[in-house]
């Protein structure tokens, strides 16, 4: 089993796409189908057979969140990498023998417990230091045709990134400067190129890399062992960054809840019908 760190510190600012929906509060608390968006993520982690503890970074116990697994809170550290480091350190305080940890975004409300378990089972077939999930474009657009994701175009495939991944705990003590630059410049390919090397960046931008070649080249450059995980489900990769994506997830999750309630009513009705057909128990004779 392993702990899960949920990154929930982002607060939309005026002018940003989700500001009007957040009311100045955390993006993670935006409502989706009757719950804060992050609550759906906690429900999935709670249903997982692989997760031991859940560490929420960026919120507090005052948020009213719940989870079937032990729930811990760490304050927002101000930067994504610092939040990840703080979460890993909290996990190590809970268990100094922790090796691997889930890193989970708070904005993937369609995540399910069985998907979390599949990721752990698939990743732990090898002993790498980072497992980064990707979703092929056809998988995403089959499930969410109007999602309008941004895709990485490679020689063999177009993919978007997953928002639940696994790292070894040694990543918070090694290569921190490199990770800081990569994460800090994630919106600027040119600045990232300066970090990973211009030769790698050129091959990537000109479509000369297959996915595996890109993973191997970047991992070697940084000095880690990394592996790409192909998702057959779009849900772990469908994060909410823009208003139209929020509306997609609201409608989709509400539809799922209607279907679930209909199934529960049908099951309850069937159970009631079975109970009615059972012979009544004979009353004990009185002396």
Protein backbone atom coordinates (compact mmCIF):
# COMPACT_ATOMS: atom_id res chain seq x y z
CA UNK A 1 0.00 0.00 0.00
CA UNK A 2 1.07 3.62 -0.47
CA UNK A 3 -0.02 7.08 0.59
CA UNK A 4 -1.70 9.57 -1.74
CA UNK A 5 -0.92 13.29 -1.85
CA UNK A 6 -3.74 15.45 -3.19
CA UNK A 7 -2.56 18.83 -4.49
CA UNK A 8 -5.34 21.31 -3.72
CA UNK A 9 -3.67 24.65 -3.12
CA UNK A 10 -4.58 26.54 -6.28
CA UNK A 11 -6.84 29.60 -5.94
CA UNK A 12 -8.02 31.14 -9.24
CA UNK A 13 -7.13 34.81 -9.54
CA UNK A 14 -9.16 37.59 -11.22
CA UNK A 15 -8.94 37.15 -14.97
CA UNK A 16 -8.24 33.41 -14.79
CA UNK A 17 -10.76 31.03 -16.41
CA UNK A 18 -12.32 29.58 -13.23
CA UNK A 19 -12.28 32.70 -11.06
CA UNK A 20 -16.01 33.31 -11.49
CA UNK A 21 -16.76 29.79 -10.24
CA UNK A 22 -14.48 29.72 -7.20
CA UNK A 23 -15.71 32.82 -5.31
CA UNK A 24 -12.15 33.55 -4.26
CA UNK A 25 -11.76 30.11 -2.70
CA UNK A 26 -9.71 27.08 -3.72
CA UNK A 27 -10.34 25.61 -7.16
CA UNK A 28 -10.59 22.21 -5.45
CA UNK A 29 -13.79 23.32 -3.69
CA UNK A 30 -15.71 24.24 -6.85
CA UNK A 31 -18.98 22.32 -6.85
CA UNK A 32 -19.46 19.37 -9.20
CA UNK A 33 -22.67 17.31 -8.99
CA UNK A 34 -23.43 18.33 -5.43
CA UNK A 35 -19.94 17.97 -3.95
CA UNK A 36 -16.69 19.92 -3.91
CA UNK A 37 -14.61 18.71 -6.85
CA UNK A 38 -11.89 17.38 -4.55
CA UNK A 39 -14.41 15.33 -2.55
CA UNK A 40 -14.95 13.09 -5.57
CA UNK A 41 -11.19 12.51 -5.69
CA UNK A 42 -11.15 11.65 -1.97
CA UNK A 43 -14.04 9.24 -2.51
CA UNK A 44 -12.04 7.42 -5.19
CA UNK A 45 -8.91 7.25 -3.02
CA UNK A 46 -11.04 6.03 -0.12
CA UNK A 47 -12.45 3.23 -2.28
CA UNK A 48 -8.98 2.18 -3.45
CA UNK A 49 -7.49 -1.00 -1.97
CA UNK A 50 -4.00 0.41 -2.55
CA UNK A 51 -4.18 3.72 -0.68
CA UNK A 52 -3.17 3.81 3.01
CA UNK A 53 -3.24 7.50 4.01
CA UNK A 54 -4.49 10.56 2.15
CA UNK A 55 -2.63 13.86 2.54
CA UNK A 56 -4.39 16.99 1.25
CA UNK A 57 -2.02 19.88 0.57
CA UNK A 58 -3.51 23.37 0.43
CA UNK A 59 -6.71 22.91 2.46
CA UNK A 60 -7.52 22.42 6.13
CA UNK A 61 -9.85 20.32 8.23
CA UNK A 62 -12.26 23.30 8.20
CA UNK A 63 -13.09 22.45 4.57
CA UNK A 64 -15.42 19.70 5.78
CA UNK A 65 -13.98 16.99 3.53
CA UNK A 66 -14.27 13.30 4.35
CA UNK A 67 -12.47 10.12 3.34
CA UNK A 68 -12.68 6.43 4.19
CA UNK A 69 -8.90 6.44 4.67
CA UNK A 70 -7.03 8.44 7.36
CA UNK A 71 -7.05 12.06 6.20
CA UNK A 72 -4.21 14.50 6.91
CA UNK A 73 -3.79 18.16 5.97
CA UNK A 74 -0.71 20.22 5.05
CA UNK A 75 -0.87 23.97 4.48
CA UNK A 76 -0.24 25.49 1.06
CA UNK A 77 3.49 26.06 0.52
CA UNK A 78 2.97 28.51 -2.35
CA UNK A 79 4.51 26.50 -5.21
CA UNK A 80 3.57 23.18 -6.73
CA UNK A 81 6.94 21.51 -6.12
CA UNK A 82 7.05 22.80 -2.53
CA UNK A 83 3.56 21.36 -2.00
CA UNK A 84 4.66 17.96 -3.32
CA UNK A 85 7.76 18.01 -1.10
CA UNK A 86 5.69 18.94 1.96
CA UNK A 87 3.24 16.14 1.20
CA UNK A 88 6.00 13.56 0.82
CA UNK A 89 7.60 14.72 4.06
CA UNK A 90 4.25 14.28 5.82
CA UNK A 91 4.01 10.76 4.42
CA UNK A 92 7.49 9.95 5.69
CA UNK A 93 6.50 11.23 9.14
CA UNK A 94 3.58 8.81 9.11
CA UNK A 95 5.76 5.95 7.89
CA UNK A 96 9.50 6.37 7.45
CA UNK A 97 9.55 3.22 5.29
CA UNK A 98 7.37 4.75 2.57
CA UNK A 99 8.83 4.19 -0.91
CA UNK A 100 6.23 5.13 -3.51
CA UNK A 101 3.52 7.77 -3.34
CA UNK A 102 0.57 8.78 -5.51
CA UNK A 103 0.59 12.43 -6.62
CA UNK A 104 -3.02 13.36 -7.40
CA UNK A 105 -4.61 16.56 -8.70
CA UNK A 106 -7.76 17.74 -6.94
CA UNK A 107 -9.55 18.47 -10.23
CA UNK A 108 -10.21 14.99 -11.68
CA UNK A 109 -13.67 14.28 -10.19
CA UNK A 110 -14.38 11.27 -12.44
CA UNK A 111 -11.52 9.24 -10.91
CA UNK A 112 -12.56 5.85 -9.50
CA UNK A 113 -10.99 3.61 -6.89
CA UNK A 114 -10.42 0.74 -9.31
CA UNK A 115 -8.48 3.09 -11.59
CA UNK A 116 -6.17 4.00 -8.72
CA UNK A 117 -5.58 0.30 -8.03
CA UNK A 118 -4.92 -0.42 -11.72
CA UNK A 119 -2.26 2.28 -11.81
CA UNK A 120 -0.49 0.89 -8.75
CA UNK A 121 -0.58 -2.69 -10.07
CA UNK A 122 0.66 -1.64 -13.51
CA UNK A 123 3.43 0.63 -12.20
CA UNK A 124 4.79 -1.75 -9.60
CA UNK A 125 5.72 -4.32 -12.23
CA UNK A 126 9.01 -2.39 -12.43
CA UNK A 127 11.17 -0.46 -9.96
CA UNK A 128 11.41 2.96 -11.54
CA UNK A 129 11.52 6.33 -9.80
CA UNK A 130 8.68 8.01 -11.64
CA UNK A 131 5.59 6.72 -13.43
CA UNK A 132 3.89 9.32 -15.62
CA UNK A 133 0.50 8.50 -17.09
CA UNK A 134 -0.62 9.49 -20.57
CA UNK A 135 -3.94 9.18 -22.37
CA UNK A 136 -4.03 8.67 -26.17
CA UNK A 137 -6.06 11.26 -28.01
CA UNK A 138 -8.55 8.72 -29.34
CA UNK A 139 -9.29 7.46 -25.81
CA UNK A 140 -9.89 10.98 -24.49
CA UNK A 141 -12.04 12.13 -27.40
CA UNK A 142 -14.09 8.94 -27.37
CA UNK A 143 -15.03 9.54 -23.71
CA UNK A 144 -15.09 13.36 -23.71
CA UNK A 145 -15.46 14.47 -27.36
CA UNK A 146 -15.87 18.17 -26.47
CA UNK A 147 -13.02 18.35 -23.94
CA UNK A 148 -10.64 20.27 -26.24
CA UNK A 149 -7.52 19.01 -24.49
CA UNK A 150 -4.01 20.08 -25.47
CA UNK A 151 -2.07 17.14 -26.89
CA UNK A 152 1.61 16.38 -27.17
CA UNK A 153 2.26 15.38 -30.78
CA UNK A 154 4.88 12.66 -31.10
CA UNK A 155 6.13 10.50 -33.92
CA UNK A 156 3.88 7.56 -33.04
CA UNK A 157 0.98 9.05 -31.07
CA UNK A 158 -0.76 12.13 -29.66
CA UNK A 159 -1.27 12.11 -25.90
CA UNK A 160 -2.31 14.27 -22.98
CA UNK A 161 -0.99 13.84 -19.46
CA UNK A 162 -2.67 12.09 -16.54
CA UNK A 163 -3.33 13.87 -13.26
CA UNK A 164 -2.55 10.94 -11.01
CA UNK A 165 1.01 9.66 -11.08
CA UNK A 166 3.47 7.79 -8.86
CA UNK A 167 6.90 8.86 -7.65
CA UNK A 168 9.57 7.35 -5.43
CA UNK A 169 10.14 9.34 -2.25
CA UNK A 170 13.77 9.93 -3.23
CA UNK A 171 12.53 12.48 -5.76
CA UNK A 172 12.03 15.03 -2.96
CA UNK A 173 15.71 14.86 -2.04
CA UNK A 174 17.26 14.51 -5.49
CA UNK A 175 17.07 16.68 -8.62
CA UNK A 176 15.01 19.36 -6.86
CA UNK A 177 16.56 22.23 -8.84
CA UNK A 178 15.69 20.53 -12.12
CA UNK A 179 12.13 19.75 -11.05
CA UNK A 180 11.67 23.32 -9.83
CA UNK A 181 12.64 24.67 -13.23
CA UNK A 182 10.56 22.17 -15.21
CA UNK A 183 7.42 22.69 -13.14
CA UNK A 184 7.90 26.45 -12.90
CA UNK A 185 8.27 26.70 -16.67
CA UNK A 186 5.58 24.17 -17.61
CA UNK A 187 3.74 26.84 -19.66
CA UNK A 188 6.90 27.76 -21.61
CA UNK A 189 8.36 25.08 -23.91
CA UNK A 190 11.37 27.28 -24.70
CA UNK A 191 12.33 27.67 -21.04
CA UNK A 192 11.81 23.96 -20.47
CA UNK A 193 14.04 23.26 -23.45
CA UNK A 194 16.87 25.08 -21.72
CA UNK A 195 16.46 22.67 -18.80
CA UNK A 196 16.19 19.35 -20.64
CA UNK A 197 18.62 20.28 -23.42
CA UNK A 198 18.13 21.86 -26.83
CA UNK A 199 18.82 18.66 -28.76
CA UNK A 200 16.00 16.86 -26.96
CA UNK A 201 13.72 19.87 -27.36
CA UNK A 202 14.43 20.10 -31.09
CA UNK A 203 13.64 16.42 -31.68
CA UNK A 204 10.45 16.80 -29.67
CA UNK A 205 9.29 19.95 -31.47
CA UNK A 206 10.00 18.41 -34.88
CA UNK A 207 8.15 15.19 -34.09
CA UNK A 208 11.17 12.91 -34.19
CA UNK A 209 10.51 11.19 -30.86
CA UNK A 210 8.27 8.25 -30.10
CA UNK A 211 6.81 8.44 -26.60
CA UNK A 212 9.21 5.85 -25.21
CA UNK A 213 12.21 7.59 -26.77
CA UNK A 214 11.13 10.91 -25.27
CA UNK A 215 10.69 9.39 -21.81
CA UNK A 216 14.09 7.69 -21.97
CA UNK A 217 15.86 10.83 -23.22
CA UNK A 218 14.38 13.17 -20.62
CA UNK A 219 14.88 10.63 -17.80
CA UNK A 220 18.53 10.17 -18.78
CA UNK A 221 19.05 13.93 -18.97
CA UNK A 222 17.56 14.48 -15.50
CA UNK A 223 19.19 11.40 -14.06
CA UNK A 224 16.18 9.31 -13.05
CA UNK A 225 14.50 6.06 -14.08
CA UNK A 226 11.12 6.92 -15.56
CA UNK A 227 8.34 5.04 -17.30
CA UNK A 228 5.23 6.10 -19.20
CA UNK A 229 1.92 4.47 -18.29
CA UNK A 230 -0.75 4.28 -21.01
CA UNK A 231 -4.27 4.81 -19.72
CA UNK A 232 -7.21 3.04 -21.35
CA UNK A 233 -9.55 5.29 -19.34
CA UNK A 234 -9.84 9.03 -19.92
CA UNK A 235 -11.16 9.91 -16.46
CA UNK A 236 -7.76 10.17 -14.67
CA UNK A 237 -6.61 12.56 -17.40
CA UNK A 238 -9.73 14.74 -17.60
CA UNK A 239 -8.85 17.64 -15.33
CA UNK A 240 -10.88 20.82 -15.03
CA UNK A 241 -8.94 23.87 -16.19
CA UNK A 242 -11.54 25.85 -18.12
CA UNK A 243 -15.26 26.67 -17.80
CA UNK A 244 -16.35 24.38 -20.64
CA UNK A 245 -14.47 21.48 -19.02
CA UNK A 246 -16.18 22.23 -15.71
CA UNK A 247 -19.59 22.17 -17.39
CA UNK A 248 -18.71 18.89 -19.14
CA UNK A 249 -17.79 17.28 -15.82
CA UNK A 250 -20.83 18.67 -14.03
CA UNK A 251 -23.17 17.25 -16.66
CA UNK A 252 -21.30 13.94 -16.85
CA UNK A 253 -21.14 13.42 -13.08
CA UNK A 254 -24.80 14.38 -12.64
CA UNK A 255 -25.73 11.85 -15.33
CA UNK A 256 -23.68 9.17 -13.55
CA UNK A 257 -25.46 9.96 -10.27
CA UNK A 258 -28.90 9.69 -11.92
CA UNK A 259 -28.00 6.29 -13.37
CA UNK A 260 -26.63 5.10 -10.03
CA UNK A 261 -29.78 6.16 -8.17
CA UNK A 262 -31.94 4.45 -10.81
CA UNK A 263 -29.94 1.23 -10.38
CA UNK A 264 -30.26 1.47 -6.59
CA UNK A 265 -34.04 1.94 -6.84
CA UNK A 266 -34.29 -1.04 -9.20
CA UNK A 267 -32.22 -3.21 -6.85
CA UNK A 268 -34.29 -2.14 -3.84
CA UNK A 269 -37.52 -2.92 -5.71
CA UNK A 270 -36.22 -6.35 -6.72
CA UNK A 271 -35.19 -7.09 -3.12
CA UNK A 272 -38.60 -6.02 -1.86
CA UNK A 273 -40.31 -8.30 -4.39
CA UNK A 274 -38.21 -11.25 -3.23
CA UNK A 275 -39.05 -10.54 0.40
CA UNK A 276 -42.78 -10.50 -0.43
CA UNK A 277 -42.60 -13.97 -2.00
CA UNK A 278 -41.02 -15.55 1.08
CA UNK A 279 -43.46 -17.48 3.24
CA UNK A 280 -44.38 -15.77 6.45
CA UNK A 281 -42.81 -17.17 9.57
CA UNK A 282 -45.24 -19.15 11.71
CA UNK A 283 -46.11 -17.52 14.99
CA UNK A 284 -45.04 -19.51 18.06
CA UNK A 285 -47.87 -21.36 19.79
CA UNK A 286 -48.97 -19.96 23.10
CA UNK A 287 -49.64 -22.27 26.00
